[in-house]
């Protein structure tokens, strides 16, 4: 209580403002006028963050690109718009934001994009549970999650925002698949899959936990044979192996 009273006193505020101003002068910086005003007795997070979000907002995130500068592409995983952001999102995008800002401070041309992994079963299942149309549910979630990300102050390049359930995006995945099919690089065959009997979908191995349950529904995963699409990536196995040493990847990833 004594420390709090001391910090709240006018003499202590004057001392802090004076030292801050002196430090700015010594560093050759222009001290912000707010330092000369008495400190508020309480910290109003909404007011302070709203103010400084405008000062250091997304406008400064996309400086003009210069061909002579090194390039740095910082691509975080796009979120599923099947609900609201949670602390896992905050953790992931704080890390990517830190990397992007660091390389920008080094003078690099940084691309730090964001988008929405919206063309899949999680959003559809969430909409079905609530009795609403998947399109309306997804679009509304994207709008609210976008505002949440902006409120966090993360410097994404919003001019490059993509939504995977929009036709202007998935027309290119369809185009790519057609090219692969024309070259006989896409084909159908039966194969064993991890089947979630609740979500009625196939799971990647990473989506099955150590107990053999689905990471989303918690259901016991079944093994099924299903007819599915494959890409003939094994046709390129030797060329990939021959060039593996040229990749700047960690050894554990290459192995």
Protein backbone atom coordinates (compact mmCIF):
# COMPACT_ATOMS: atom_id res chain seq x y z
CA UNK A 1 0.00 0.00 0.00
CA UNK A 2 2.88 2.35 0.85
CA UNK A 3 4.52 1.67 -2.54
CA UNK A 4 1.23 2.26 -4.35
CA UNK A 5 0.71 5.54 -2.53
CA UNK A 6 4.24 6.65 -3.37
CA UNK A 7 3.79 5.87 -7.07
CA UNK A 8 0.48 7.73 -7.12
CA UNK A 9 1.91 10.84 -5.50
CA UNK A 10 2.41 13.96 -7.60
CA UNK A 11 6.11 14.14 -6.74
CA UNK A 12 6.74 10.60 -7.94
CA UNK A 13 4.81 11.28 -11.16
CA UNK A 14 6.88 14.37 -11.76
CA UNK A 15 10.09 12.43 -11.13
CA UNK A 16 9.08 9.66 -13.55
CA UNK A 17 8.04 12.13 -16.25
CA UNK A 18 11.24 14.10 -15.79
CA UNK A 19 13.44 11.03 -16.08
CA UNK A 20 11.50 9.81 -19.09
CA UNK A 21 11.87 13.16 -20.82
CA UNK A 22 15.58 13.34 -19.92
CA UNK A 23 16.09 9.87 -21.35
CA UNK A 24 14.36 10.82 -24.60
CA UNK A 25 16.54 13.90 -24.99
CA UNK A 26 19.68 11.91 -24.29
CA UNK A 27 18.71 9.35 -26.93
CA UNK A 28 17.91 12.06 -29.45
CA UNK A 29 14.18 11.24 -29.42
CA UNK A 30 11.21 13.55 -29.24
CA UNK A 31 9.43 12.81 -25.99
CA UNK A 32 5.71 12.19 -26.45
CA UNK A 33 3.59 14.91 -24.90
CA UNK A 34 1.71 12.36 -22.80
CA UNK A 35 4.84 11.96 -20.65
CA UNK A 36 4.52 15.55 -19.52
CA UNK A 37 1.00 15.00 -18.21
CA UNK A 38 0.28 13.58 -14.75
CA UNK A 39 -0.19 9.82 -14.72
CA UNK A 40 -3.74 8.56 -14.25
CA UNK A 41 -4.54 6.94 -10.94
CA UNK A 42 -5.87 3.86 -12.76
CA UNK A 43 -4.91 2.13 -15.99
CA UNK A 44 -7.75 2.20 -18.52
CA UNK A 45 -6.70 -0.61 -20.85
CA UNK A 46 -9.40 0.02 -23.44
CA UNK A 47 -8.63 3.72 -23.75
CA UNK A 48 -4.86 3.28 -23.87
CA UNK A 49 -4.87 0.38 -26.32
CA UNK A 50 -7.42 2.05 -28.60
CA UNK A 51 -5.27 5.17 -28.76
CA UNK A 52 -1.98 3.44 -29.47
CA UNK A 53 -3.54 0.98 -31.88
CA UNK A 54 -4.24 3.96 -34.10
CA UNK A 55 -0.64 5.19 -33.74
CA UNK A 56 1.09 1.89 -34.50
CA UNK A 57 -1.74 0.32 -36.49
CA UNK A 58 -1.72 -1.82 -39.57
CA UNK A 59 -0.94 1.13 -41.85
CA UNK A 60 2.72 0.83 -40.87
CA UNK A 61 2.71 -2.92 -41.48
CA UNK A 62 2.99 -2.70 -45.25
CA UNK A 63 5.79 -0.29 -46.22
CA UNK A 64 6.66 0.00 -49.93
CA UNK A 65 8.68 -3.00 -51.09
CA UNK A 66 12.22 -2.38 -52.25
CA UNK A 67 13.86 -4.86 -54.60
CA UNK A 68 17.28 -4.43 -52.97
CA UNK A 69 16.09 -5.60 -49.56
CA UNK A 70 16.15 -9.25 -48.42
CA UNK A 71 12.76 -10.96 -48.45
CA UNK A 72 11.16 -12.69 -45.47
CA UNK A 73 7.89 -14.64 -45.79
CA UNK A 74 6.23 -15.27 -42.41
CA UNK A 75 3.22 -17.55 -42.93
CA UNK A 76 1.32 -18.68 -39.79
CA UNK A 77 -1.37 -21.33 -39.93
CA UNK A 78 -4.74 -19.87 -40.91
CA UNK A 79 -7.45 -20.27 -38.22
CA UNK A 80 -10.67 -22.24 -38.63
CA UNK A 81 -13.57 -19.72 -38.45
CA UNK A 82 -15.77 -22.14 -36.52
CA UNK A 83 -16.02 -20.01 -33.37
CA UNK A 84 -14.06 -17.28 -31.59
CA UNK A 85 -10.35 -16.86 -31.01
CA UNK A 86 -8.84 -18.55 -27.95
CA UNK A 87 -5.48 -18.33 -26.21
CA UNK A 88 -3.97 -20.87 -28.59
CA UNK A 89 -4.52 -18.40 -31.43
CA UNK A 90 -3.02 -15.59 -29.35
CA UNK A 91 0.10 -17.69 -28.75
CA UNK A 92 0.60 -18.66 -32.42
CA UNK A 93 0.05 -15.20 -33.86
CA UNK A 94 2.11 -13.47 -31.18
CA UNK A 95 5.03 -15.65 -32.28
CA UNK A 96 4.57 -14.88 -35.98
CA UNK A 97 4.08 -11.18 -35.21
CA UNK A 98 7.32 -11.12 -33.24
CA UNK A 99 9.21 -12.73 -36.12
CA UNK A 100 7.66 -10.40 -38.69
CA UNK A 101 8.42 -7.27 -36.65
CA UNK A 102 11.97 -8.44 -35.97
CA UNK A 103 12.75 -8.90 -39.66
CA UNK A 104 11.03 -5.63 -40.52
CA UNK A 105 13.27 -3.91 -37.98
CA UNK A 106 16.25 -5.44 -39.79
CA UNK A 107 15.08 -3.68 -42.95
CA UNK A 108 13.73 -6.75 -44.74
CA UNK A 109 10.77 -6.88 -47.12
CA UNK A 110 8.33 -8.80 -44.91
CA UNK A 111 5.11 -10.51 -45.99
CA UNK A 112 3.00 -11.52 -42.98
CA UNK A 113 -0.36 -12.62 -44.45
CA UNK A 114 -3.51 -13.92 -42.82
CA UNK A 115 -6.50 -15.88 -44.06
CA UNK A 116 -9.24 -18.26 -43.03
CA UNK A 117 -9.14 -22.05 -43.38
CA UNK A 118 -12.88 -21.99 -43.96
CA UNK A 119 -13.55 -24.73 -46.48
CA UNK A 120 -13.87 -27.76 -44.25
CA UNK A 121 -15.88 -29.84 -41.85
CA UNK A 122 -15.26 -28.02 -38.52
CA UNK A 123 -17.18 -24.93 -39.60
CA UNK A 124 -19.94 -27.04 -41.17
CA UNK A 125 -20.37 -29.15 -38.04
CA UNK A 126 -20.46 -26.07 -35.82
CA UNK A 127 -23.20 -24.57 -38.01
CA UNK A 128 -25.24 -27.78 -37.98
CA UNK A 129 -25.06 -27.92 -34.17
CA UNK A 130 -26.53 -24.39 -34.01
CA UNK A 131 -29.13 -24.88 -36.71
CA UNK A 132 -27.77 -22.13 -38.98
CA UNK A 133 -26.45 -22.06 -42.53
CA UNK A 134 -22.71 -22.83 -42.75
CA UNK A 135 -22.14 -19.83 -45.03
CA UNK A 136 -23.75 -17.34 -42.64
CA UNK A 137 -22.03 -18.91 -39.62
CA UNK A 138 -18.63 -18.84 -41.31
CA UNK A 139 -18.87 -15.28 -42.62
CA UNK A 140 -20.03 -13.93 -39.25
CA UNK A 141 -17.20 -15.72 -37.46
CA UNK A 142 -14.64 -14.34 -39.89
CA UNK A 143 -15.86 -10.80 -39.27
CA UNK A 144 -15.68 -11.13 -35.48
CA UNK A 145 -12.34 -12.99 -35.51
CA UNK A 146 -10.87 -10.35 -37.81
CA UNK A 147 -11.78 -7.66 -35.28
CA UNK A 148 -10.27 -9.77 -32.48
CA UNK A 149 -6.97 -10.10 -34.36
CA UNK A 150 -6.86 -6.38 -35.06
CA UNK A 151 -7.57 -5.66 -31.39
CA UNK A 152 -4.49 -7.72 -30.50
CA UNK A 153 -2.39 -5.26 -32.51
CA UNK A 154 -0.87 -7.96 -34.70
CA UNK A 155 0.60 -6.57 -37.91
CA UNK A 156 -0.89 -8.72 -40.61
CA UNK A 157 -0.89 -7.62 -44.23
CA UNK A 158 -4.67 -7.45 -44.57
CA UNK A 159 -4.37 -6.53 -48.24
CA UNK A 160 -3.42 -10.21 -48.82
CA UNK A 161 -6.27 -11.70 -46.76
CA UNK A 162 -7.72 -14.88 -48.27
CA UNK A 163 -10.81 -16.94 -47.45
CA UNK A 164 -10.59 -20.51 -48.66
CA UNK A 165 -14.38 -20.97 -49.01
CA UNK A 166 -14.61 -18.07 -51.48
CA UNK A 167 -14.81 -18.92 -55.17
CA UNK A 168 -12.04 -16.45 -56.01
CA UNK A 169 -9.73 -18.63 -53.91
CA UNK A 170 -10.82 -22.24 -54.45
CA UNK A 171 -11.07 -21.81 -58.21
CA UNK A 172 -7.27 -21.98 -58.17
CA UNK A 173 -7.16 -25.20 -56.15
CA UNK A 174 -9.64 -26.66 -58.64
CA UNK A 175 -7.49 -25.41 -61.51
CA UNK A 176 -4.40 -27.00 -59.99
CA UNK A 177 -6.18 -30.33 -59.44
CA UNK A 178 -7.35 -30.36 -63.06
CA UNK A 179 -3.79 -29.84 -64.29
CA UNK A 180 -2.57 -32.72 -62.11
CA UNK A 181 -5.41 -34.95 -63.33
CA UNK A 182 -4.65 -34.15 -66.98
CA UNK A 183 -1.03 -35.23 -66.40
CA UNK A 184 -2.19 -38.48 -64.73
CA UNK A 185 -0.73 -37.29 -61.44
CA UNK A 186 -4.07 -37.52 -59.63
CA UNK A 187 -5.85 -40.86 -59.41
CA UNK A 188 -8.36 -42.80 -57.30
CA UNK A 189 -7.63 -45.93 -55.28
CA UNK A 190 -8.69 -47.62 -52.05
CA UNK A 191 -6.64 -46.98 -48.96
CA UNK A 192 -6.78 -47.31 -45.18
CA UNK A 193 -7.86 -44.18 -43.34
CA UNK A 194 -8.48 -42.95 -39.79
CA UNK A 195 -12.27 -42.58 -39.60
CA UNK A 196 -14.07 -40.43 -37.03
CA UNK A 197 -17.54 -42.02 -36.53
CA UNK A 198 -18.94 -38.87 -34.91
CA UNK A 199 -17.73 -36.15 -37.30
CA UNK A 200 -17.97 -38.63 -40.20
CA UNK A 201 -14.64 -37.55 -41.62
CA UNK A 202 -11.11 -38.77 -42.28
CA UNK A 203 -8.40 -37.72 -39.84
CA UNK A 204 -4.69 -37.23 -40.34
CA UNK A 205 -2.43 -39.22 -38.03
CA UNK A 206 -1.66 -36.00 -36.13
CA UNK A 207 -5.37 -35.61 -35.35
CA UNK A 208 -5.50 -38.92 -33.46
CA UNK A 209 -4.34 -38.64 -29.85
CA UNK A 210 -2.29 -41.14 -27.87
CA UNK A 211 -5.49 -42.91 -26.74
CA UNK A 212 -6.61 -43.47 -30.32
CA UNK A 213 -9.33 -40.81 -30.12
CA UNK A 214 -10.24 -37.92 -32.40
CA UNK A 215 -8.74 -34.57 -31.39
CA UNK A 216 -12.13 -32.85 -31.98
CA UNK A 217 -14.99 -35.22 -31.17
CA UNK A 218 -13.19 -37.51 -28.72
CA UNK A 219 -14.58 -40.56 -30.52
CA UNK A 220 -12.56 -43.76 -30.79
CA UNK A 221 -11.00 -43.68 -34.28
CA UNK A 222 -11.76 -46.56 -36.63
CA UNK A 223 -9.67 -47.95 -39.48
CA UNK A 224 -11.60 -48.11 -42.76
CA UNK A 225 -10.84 -48.77 -46.41
CA UNK A 226 -12.13 -45.93 -48.54
CA UNK A 227 -11.85 -45.01 -52.19
CA UNK A 228 -10.01 -41.68 -52.30
CA UNK A 229 -7.83 -39.42 -54.37
CA UNK A 230 -4.04 -39.72 -54.39
CA UNK A 231 -1.21 -37.77 -56.01
CA UNK A 232 1.68 -39.65 -57.63
CA UNK A 233 4.34 -37.99 -55.50
CA UNK A 234 6.38 -41.21 -55.46
CA UNK A 235 7.14 -40.55 -59.14
CA UNK A 236 9.37 -37.76 -57.89
CA UNK A 237 10.92 -39.58 -54.93
CA UNK A 238 14.38 -39.98 -56.45
CA UNK A 239 14.65 -36.38 -57.64
CA UNK A 240 13.52 -35.18 -54.22
CA UNK A 241 16.10 -37.33 -52.48
CA UNK A 242 18.85 -36.17 -54.86
CA UNK A 243 18.17 -32.54 -54.00
CA UNK A 244 17.49 -32.99 -50.30
CA UNK A 245 20.93 -31.70 -49.30
CA UNK A 246 20.26 -28.40 -51.07
CA UNK A 247 17.37 -27.57 -48.72
CA UNK A 248 18.06 -25.38 -45.72
CA UNK A 249 15.95 -27.58 -43.43
CA UNK A 250 16.73 -28.96 -39.96
CA UNK A 251 18.32 -32.40 -40.11
CA UNK A 252 15.50 -34.00 -38.12
CA UNK A 253 13.01 -32.79 -40.75
CA UNK A 254 15.09 -34.10 -43.67
CA UNK A 255 15.51 -37.48 -41.98
